[in-house]
Amino acid sequence: MKLKDLNEKEKILKTKEQRIQDQSSTQQNTQDLDQEQHVEANPSQLNFQNVQVNPYPTADDFVSKITGITYSEDKKEILSNVNILLYFGTHIDFSDYPVGKTQSDESGNFIIEDLPPGYYTLYAYLDENLKETLYNIKIMFGQTYFQSVFLRETVHKEMIKERVIPTPLNTNYFHSKL
C-alpha cells in the first residue's frame, strides 16, 4: 500500500469530532519582535521573620501564671492581705471551687501559678465592703499575665451615689447589684 492510500484511510477512520479538534488546536502566534520593552524591577517590600525554636521544651514553657497588684479605687493606695480567687470560665458560680486561691502580700503583690490556658474570672475581696470581679482574662501557653486589681466599695454605697431606693418596682435592680 502506498503512503497516500494510508493517509486517506486514516482520514476516513477519524470521526468528525476528531477532525474538528485537530483543526481548532492549530494556532498562529505572531508577535512584533521589533518593539522595545521596558521592565523595571525594584523590590518595594522586605519581609523579616524571627522564629525561636526550643528543641528541648521544659514544663516551664507550658506553665502560665497571673500576677498583679491590689489597689483601693477610692483612696488610690496599695492594699495588702486581699483575698484573690480565680475561677475557670467567664462567669462566677460561687458554688464552684476556685482553680486558684491566694492573698496579696504587704506590697499588694499576688501570684497564681500552674494555670492551663483558657479564660478566667478573678474575684478579689478585702472585706464585705471592698470587692472586685474581673471577667474574660485570657491566658495562653507559657504566658505571665499581669493584672492590676482596683477594689471598690460595694453596692450599698453605690446605691447612695446613684440615689436608688429599693422599692418593689426596682427590686430586680437592687438584687442585680448585690
C-alpha atoms as a PDB file:
ATOM      1  CA  MET A   1       0.000   0.000   0.000  1.00  0.00           C
ATOM      2  CA  LYS A   2       1.106   3.392  -0.726  1.00  0.00           C
ATOM      3  CA  LEU A   3       1.530   6.168   1.749  1.00  0.00           C
ATOM      4  CA  LYS A   4      -1.158   8.181   0.058  1.00  0.00           C
ATOM      5  CA  ASP A   5      -3.701   5.381   0.442  1.00  0.00           C
ATOM      6  CA  LEU A   6      -2.844   5.064   4.140  1.00  0.00           C
ATOM      7  CA  ASN A   7      -3.416   8.776   4.730  1.00  0.00           C
ATOM      8  CA  GLU A   8      -6.787   8.631   3.012  1.00  0.00           C
ATOM      9  CA  LYS A   9      -7.895   5.593   5.033  1.00  0.00           C
ATOM     10  CA  GLU A  10      -6.774   7.355   8.205  1.00  0.00           C
ATOM     11  CA  LYS A  11      -8.821  10.410   7.322  1.00  0.00           C
ATOM     12  CA  ILE A  12     -11.883   8.292   6.694  1.00  0.00           C
ATOM     13  CA  LEU A  13     -11.474   6.497  10.026  1.00  0.00           C
ATOM     14  CA  LYS A  14     -11.241   9.694  12.013  1.00  0.00           C
ATOM     15  CA  THR A  15     -14.531  10.809  13.358  1.00  0.00           C
ATOM     16  CA  LYS A  16     -15.974  14.165  12.623  1.00  0.00           C
ATOM     17  CA  GLU A  17     -15.254  15.373  16.189  1.00  0.00           C
ATOM     18  CA  GLN A  18     -11.599  14.376  15.961  1.00  0.00           C
ATOM     19  CA  ARG A  19     -11.233  16.346  12.745  1.00  0.00           C
ATOM     20  CA  ILE A  20     -12.778  19.416  14.404  1.00  0.00           C
ATOM     21  CA  GLN A  21     -10.407  19.062  17.349  1.00  0.00           C
ATOM     22  CA  ASP A  22      -7.409  18.772  15.068  1.00  0.00           C
ATOM     23  CA  GLN A  23      -8.461  21.904  13.190  1.00  0.00           C
ATOM     24  CA  SER A  24      -9.157  24.001  16.304  1.00  0.00           C
ATOM     25  CA  SER A  25      -5.898  23.113  18.030  1.00  0.00           C
ATOM     26  CA  THR A  26      -3.828  24.731  15.329  1.00  0.00           C
ATOM     27  CA  GLN A  27      -2.896  28.273  16.388  1.00  0.00           C
ATOM     28  CA  GLN A  28      -0.901  31.059  14.978  1.00  0.00           C
ATOM     29  CA  ASN A  29       1.196  33.206  17.234  1.00  0.00           C
ATOM     30  CA  THR A  30       2.659  36.296  15.703  1.00  0.00           C
ATOM     31  CA  GLN A  31       4.452  38.973  17.643  1.00  0.00           C
ATOM     32  CA  ASP A  32       6.243  42.037  16.589  1.00  0.00           C
ATOM     33  CA  LEU A  33       9.718  41.346  17.902  1.00  0.00           C
ATOM     34  CA  ASP A  34      10.984  44.764  16.935  1.00  0.00           C
ATOM     35  CA  GLN A  35       9.085  46.520  19.727  1.00  0.00           C
ATOM     36  CA  GLU A  36      11.107  47.840  22.650  1.00  0.00           C
ATOM     37  CA  GLN A  37      10.057  46.601  26.041  1.00  0.00           C
ATOM     38  CA  HIS A  38      10.958  48.345  29.337  1.00  0.00           C
ATOM     39  CA  VAL A  39      10.623  46.410  32.550  1.00  0.00           C
ATOM     40  CA  GLU A  40      11.625  47.889  35.904  1.00  0.00           C
ATOM     41  CA  ALA A  41      12.035  45.501  38.793  1.00  0.00           C
ATOM     42  CA  ASN A  42      12.583  47.408  42.014  1.00  0.00           C
ATOM     43  CA  PRO A  43      11.532  45.480  45.123  1.00  0.00           C
ATOM     44  CA  SER A  44       9.463  47.629  47.459  1.00  0.00           C
ATOM     45  CA  GLN A  45       8.849  45.197  50.273  1.00  0.00           C
ATOM     46  CA  LEU A  46      11.169  43.473  52.725  1.00  0.00           C
ATOM     47  CA  ASN A  47       9.980  40.638  54.917  1.00  0.00           C
ATOM     48  CA  PHE A  48      11.753  39.551  58.056  1.00  0.00           C
ATOM     49  CA  GLN A  49      10.698  36.798  60.406  1.00  0.00           C
ATOM     50  CA  ASN A  50      12.213  35.836  63.718  1.00  0.00           C
ATOM     51  CA  VAL A  51      11.417  32.286  64.784  1.00  0.00           C
ATOM     52  CA  GLN A  52      12.666  30.875  68.050  1.00  0.00           C
ATOM     53  CA  VAL A  53      12.643  27.121  68.352  1.00  0.00           C
ATOM     54  CA  ASN A  54      13.422  25.322  71.567  1.00  0.00           C
ATOM     55  CA  PRO A  55      14.314  21.716  70.753  1.00  0.00           C
ATOM     56  CA  TYR A  56      14.181  20.716  74.421  1.00  0.00           C
ATOM     57  CA  PRO A  57      10.990  22.188  75.931  1.00  0.00           C
ATOM     58  CA  THR A  58      10.579  22.023  79.675  1.00  0.00           C
ATOM     59  CA  ALA A  59       7.466  22.111  81.815  1.00  0.00           C
ATOM     60  CA  ASP A  60       8.131  25.826  82.449  1.00  0.00           C
ATOM     61  CA  ASP A  61       7.496  26.529  78.744  1.00  0.00           C
ATOM     62  CA  PHE A  62       3.849  25.496  79.142  1.00  0.00           C
ATOM     63  CA  VAL A  63       3.065  26.829  82.622  1.00  0.00           C
ATOM     64  CA  SER A  64       1.049  30.044  82.803  1.00  0.00           C
ATOM     65  CA  LYS A  65       0.535  32.404  85.715  1.00  0.00           C
ATOM     66  CA  ILE A  66      -1.332  35.536  86.746  1.00  0.00           C
ATOM     67  CA  THR A  67       0.427  38.219  88.740  1.00  0.00           C
ATOM     68  CA  GLY A  68      -0.750  41.624  89.839  1.00  0.00           C
ATOM     69  CA  ILE A  69      -1.115  44.330  92.441  1.00  0.00           C
ATOM     70  CA  THR A  70      -4.202  45.183  94.503  1.00  0.00           C
ATOM     71  CA  TYR A  71      -5.282  48.801  94.991  1.00  0.00           C
ATOM     72  CA  SER A  72      -8.105  50.732  96.613  1.00  0.00           C
ATOM     73  CA  GLU A  73     -10.054  52.501  93.866  1.00  0.00           C
ATOM     74  CA  ASP A  74     -11.250  55.370  96.074  1.00  0.00           C
ATOM     75  CA  LYS A  75      -8.075  56.090  98.052  1.00  0.00           C
ATOM     76  CA  LYS A  76      -5.614  55.097  95.276  1.00  0.00           C
ATOM     77  CA  GLU A  77      -3.414  53.191  97.701  1.00  0.00           C
ATOM     78  CA  ILE A  78      -1.954  49.696  97.668  1.00  0.00           C
ATOM     79  CA  LEU A  79      -3.920  47.128  99.654  1.00  0.00           C
ATOM     80  CA  SER A  80      -2.373  44.134 101.401  1.00  0.00           C
ATOM     81  CA  ASN A  81      -3.972  40.868 102.550  1.00  0.00           C
ATOM     82  CA  VAL A  82      -6.568  40.933  99.759  1.00  0.00           C
ATOM     83  CA  ASN A  83      -8.081  37.506  99.065  1.00  0.00           C
ATOM     84  CA  ILE A  84      -7.805  36.523  95.402  1.00  0.00           C
ATOM     85  CA  LEU A  85      -9.951  33.707  93.967  1.00  0.00           C
ATOM     86  CA  LEU A  86      -9.541  32.561  90.371  1.00  0.00           C
ATOM     87  CA  TYR A  87     -12.354  30.697  88.605  1.00  0.00           C
ATOM     88  CA  PHE A  88     -12.154  28.890  85.278  1.00  0.00           C
ATOM     89  CA  GLY A  89     -14.583  30.330  82.745  1.00  0.00           C
ATOM     90  CA  THR A  90     -16.112  33.699  82.013  1.00  0.00           C
ATOM     91  CA  HIS A  91     -18.643  33.813  84.830  1.00  0.00           C
ATOM     92  CA  ILE A  92     -18.642  33.018  88.513  1.00  0.00           C
ATOM     93  CA  ASP A  93     -20.786  30.469  90.229  1.00  0.00           C
ATOM     94  CA  PHE A  94     -19.738  30.733  93.851  1.00  0.00           C
ATOM     95  CA  SER A  95     -20.780  27.125  94.421  1.00  0.00           C
ATOM     96  CA  ASP A  96     -17.854  26.127  92.163  1.00  0.00           C
ATOM     97  CA  TYR A  97     -14.418  25.689  93.621  1.00  0.00           C
ATOM     98  CA  PRO A  98     -11.786  28.189  92.509  1.00  0.00           C
ATOM     99  CA  VAL A  99      -8.871  26.873  90.428  1.00  0.00           C
ATOM    100  CA  GLY A 100      -6.523  29.223  92.235  1.00  0.00           C
ATOM    101  CA  LYS A 101      -6.528  30.989  95.574  1.00  0.00           C
ATOM    102  CA  THR A 102      -4.002  33.365  97.111  1.00  0.00           C
ATOM    103  CA  GLN A 103      -3.634  36.511  99.171  1.00  0.00           C
ATOM    104  CA  SER A 104      -1.745  39.690  98.338  1.00  0.00           C
ATOM    105  CA  ASP A 105       1.413  40.412 100.351  1.00  0.00           C
ATOM    106  CA  GLU A 106       2.368  43.613 102.231  1.00  0.00           C
ATOM    107  CA  SER A 107       3.226  45.318  98.918  1.00  0.00           C
ATOM    108  CA  GLY A 108      -0.114  44.335  97.356  1.00  0.00           C
ATOM    109  CA  ASN A 109       1.516  41.783  95.024  1.00  0.00           C
ATOM    110  CA  PHE A 110      -0.081  38.427  94.266  1.00  0.00           C
ATOM    111  CA  ILE A 111       0.672  35.458  92.018  1.00  0.00           C
ATOM    112  CA  ILE A 112      -1.266  32.351  90.949  1.00  0.00           C
ATOM    113  CA  GLU A 113       0.833  29.779  89.074  1.00  0.00           C
ATOM    114  CA  ASP A 114       0.475  26.485  87.192  1.00  0.00           C
ATOM    115  CA  LEU A 115      -2.574  27.506  85.155  1.00  0.00           C
ATOM    116  CA  PRO A 116      -3.720  25.792  81.976  1.00  0.00           C
ATOM    117  CA  PRO A 117      -4.633  28.051  79.046  1.00  0.00           C
ATOM    118  CA  GLY A 118      -8.177  29.388  78.882  1.00  0.00           C
ATOM    119  CA  TYR A 119     -10.478  32.170  80.066  1.00  0.00           C
ATOM    120  CA  TYR A 120     -10.662  33.025  83.754  1.00  0.00           C
ATOM    121  CA  THR A 121     -12.635  35.196  86.148  1.00  0.00           C
ATOM    122  CA  LEU A 122     -10.765  36.827  89.040  1.00  0.00           C
ATOM    123  CA  TYR A 123     -12.634  37.713  92.220  1.00  0.00           C
ATOM    124  CA  ALA A 124     -10.819  39.847  94.810  1.00  0.00           C
ATOM    125  CA  TYR A 125     -12.117  40.986  98.207  1.00  0.00           C
ATOM    126  CA  LEU A 126     -10.697  42.534 101.330  1.00  0.00           C
ATOM    127  CA  ASP A 127     -13.879  42.509 103.393  1.00  0.00           C
ATOM    128  CA  GLU A 128     -17.601  42.844 102.735  1.00  0.00           C
ATOM    129  CA  ASN A 129     -17.168  46.455 101.582  1.00  0.00           C
ATOM    130  CA  LEU A 130     -14.205  46.230  99.172  1.00  0.00           C
ATOM    131  CA  LYS A 131     -14.609  43.819  96.245  1.00  0.00           C
ATOM    132  CA  GLU A 132     -13.874  43.482  92.543  1.00  0.00           C
ATOM    133  CA  THR A 133     -14.653  40.933  89.832  1.00  0.00           C
ATOM    134  CA  LEU A 134     -12.690  40.826  86.568  1.00  0.00           C
ATOM    135  CA  TYR A 135     -14.075  38.758  83.698  1.00  0.00           C
ATOM    136  CA  ASN A 136     -12.613  37.277  80.487  1.00  0.00           C
ATOM    137  CA  ILE A 137      -8.950  37.098  81.458  1.00  0.00           C
ATOM    138  CA  LYS A 138      -7.357  35.149  78.606  1.00  0.00           C
ATOM    139  CA  ILE A 139      -4.317  33.039  79.477  1.00  0.00           C
ATOM    140  CA  MET A 140      -2.135  31.433  76.778  1.00  0.00           C
ATOM    141  CA  PHE A 141       0.531  28.693  76.991  1.00  0.00           C
ATOM    142  CA  GLY A 142       3.583  29.844  78.943  1.00  0.00           C
ATOM    143  CA  GLN A 143       2.187  33.355  79.464  1.00  0.00           C
ATOM    144  CA  THR A 144       2.691  35.536  82.523  1.00  0.00           C
ATOM    145  CA  TYR A 145      -0.384  37.760  82.705  1.00  0.00           C
ATOM    146  CA  PHE A 146      -0.193  40.947  84.810  1.00  0.00           C
ATOM    147  CA  GLN A 147      -3.448  42.357  86.187  1.00  0.00           C
ATOM    148  CA  SER A 148      -3.932  45.394  88.417  1.00  0.00           C
ATOM    149  CA  VAL A 149      -6.980  44.964  90.645  1.00  0.00           C
ATOM    150  CA  PHE A 150      -8.774  48.080  91.878  1.00  0.00           C
ATOM    151  CA  LEU A 151     -11.120  47.138  94.709  1.00  0.00           C
ATOM    152  CA  ARG A 152     -14.160  49.341  95.070  1.00  0.00           C
ATOM    153  CA  GLU A 153     -16.795  49.757  97.681  1.00  0.00           C
ATOM    154  CA  THR A 154     -19.817  47.526  97.297  1.00  0.00           C
ATOM    155  CA  VAL A 155     -23.301  48.264  96.052  1.00  0.00           C
ATOM    156  CA  HIS A 156     -24.693  49.829  99.205  1.00  0.00           C
ATOM    157  CA  LYS A 157     -22.521  52.904  98.829  1.00  0.00           C
ATOM    158  CA  GLU A 158     -23.024  52.887  95.030  1.00  0.00           C
ATOM    159  CA  MET A 159     -26.773  52.992  95.583  1.00  0.00           C
ATOM    160  CA  ILE A 160     -26.386  56.084  97.763  1.00  0.00           C
ATOM    161  CA  LYS A 161     -24.344  57.760  94.989  1.00  0.00           C
ATOM    162  CA  GLU A 162     -26.974  56.848  92.394  1.00  0.00           C
ATOM    163  CA  ARG A 163     -29.800  57.636  94.805  1.00  0.00           C
ATOM    164  CA  VAL A 164     -31.550  54.343  94.125  1.00  0.00           C
ATOM    165  CA  ILE A 165     -34.004  53.414  96.834  1.00  0.00           C
ATOM    166  CA  PRO A 166     -35.109  49.774  96.770  1.00  0.00           C
ATOM    167  CA  THR A 167     -38.847  49.570  96.226  1.00  0.00           C
ATOM    168  CA  PRO A 168     -40.984  46.698  94.995  1.00  0.00           C
ATOM    169  CA  LEU A 169     -40.774  48.216  91.489  1.00  0.00           C
ATOM    170  CA  ASN A 170     -36.962  48.191  91.263  1.00  0.00           C
ATOM    171  CA  THR A 171     -36.037  45.180  93.409  1.00  0.00           C
ATOM    172  CA  ASN A 172     -34.558  43.460  90.345  1.00  0.00           C
ATOM    173  CA  TYR A 173     -32.103  46.341  90.024  1.00  0.00           C
ATOM    174  CA  PHE A 174     -31.285  46.161  93.710  1.00  0.00           C
ATOM    175  CA  HIS A 175     -30.689  42.391  93.673  1.00  0.00           C
ATOM    176  CA  SER A 176     -28.592  42.564  90.475  1.00  0.00           C
ATOM    177  CA  LYS A 177     -26.204  44.971  92.221  1.00  0.00           C
ATOM    178  CA  LEU A 178     -25.650  42.593  95.115  1.00  0.00           C
END
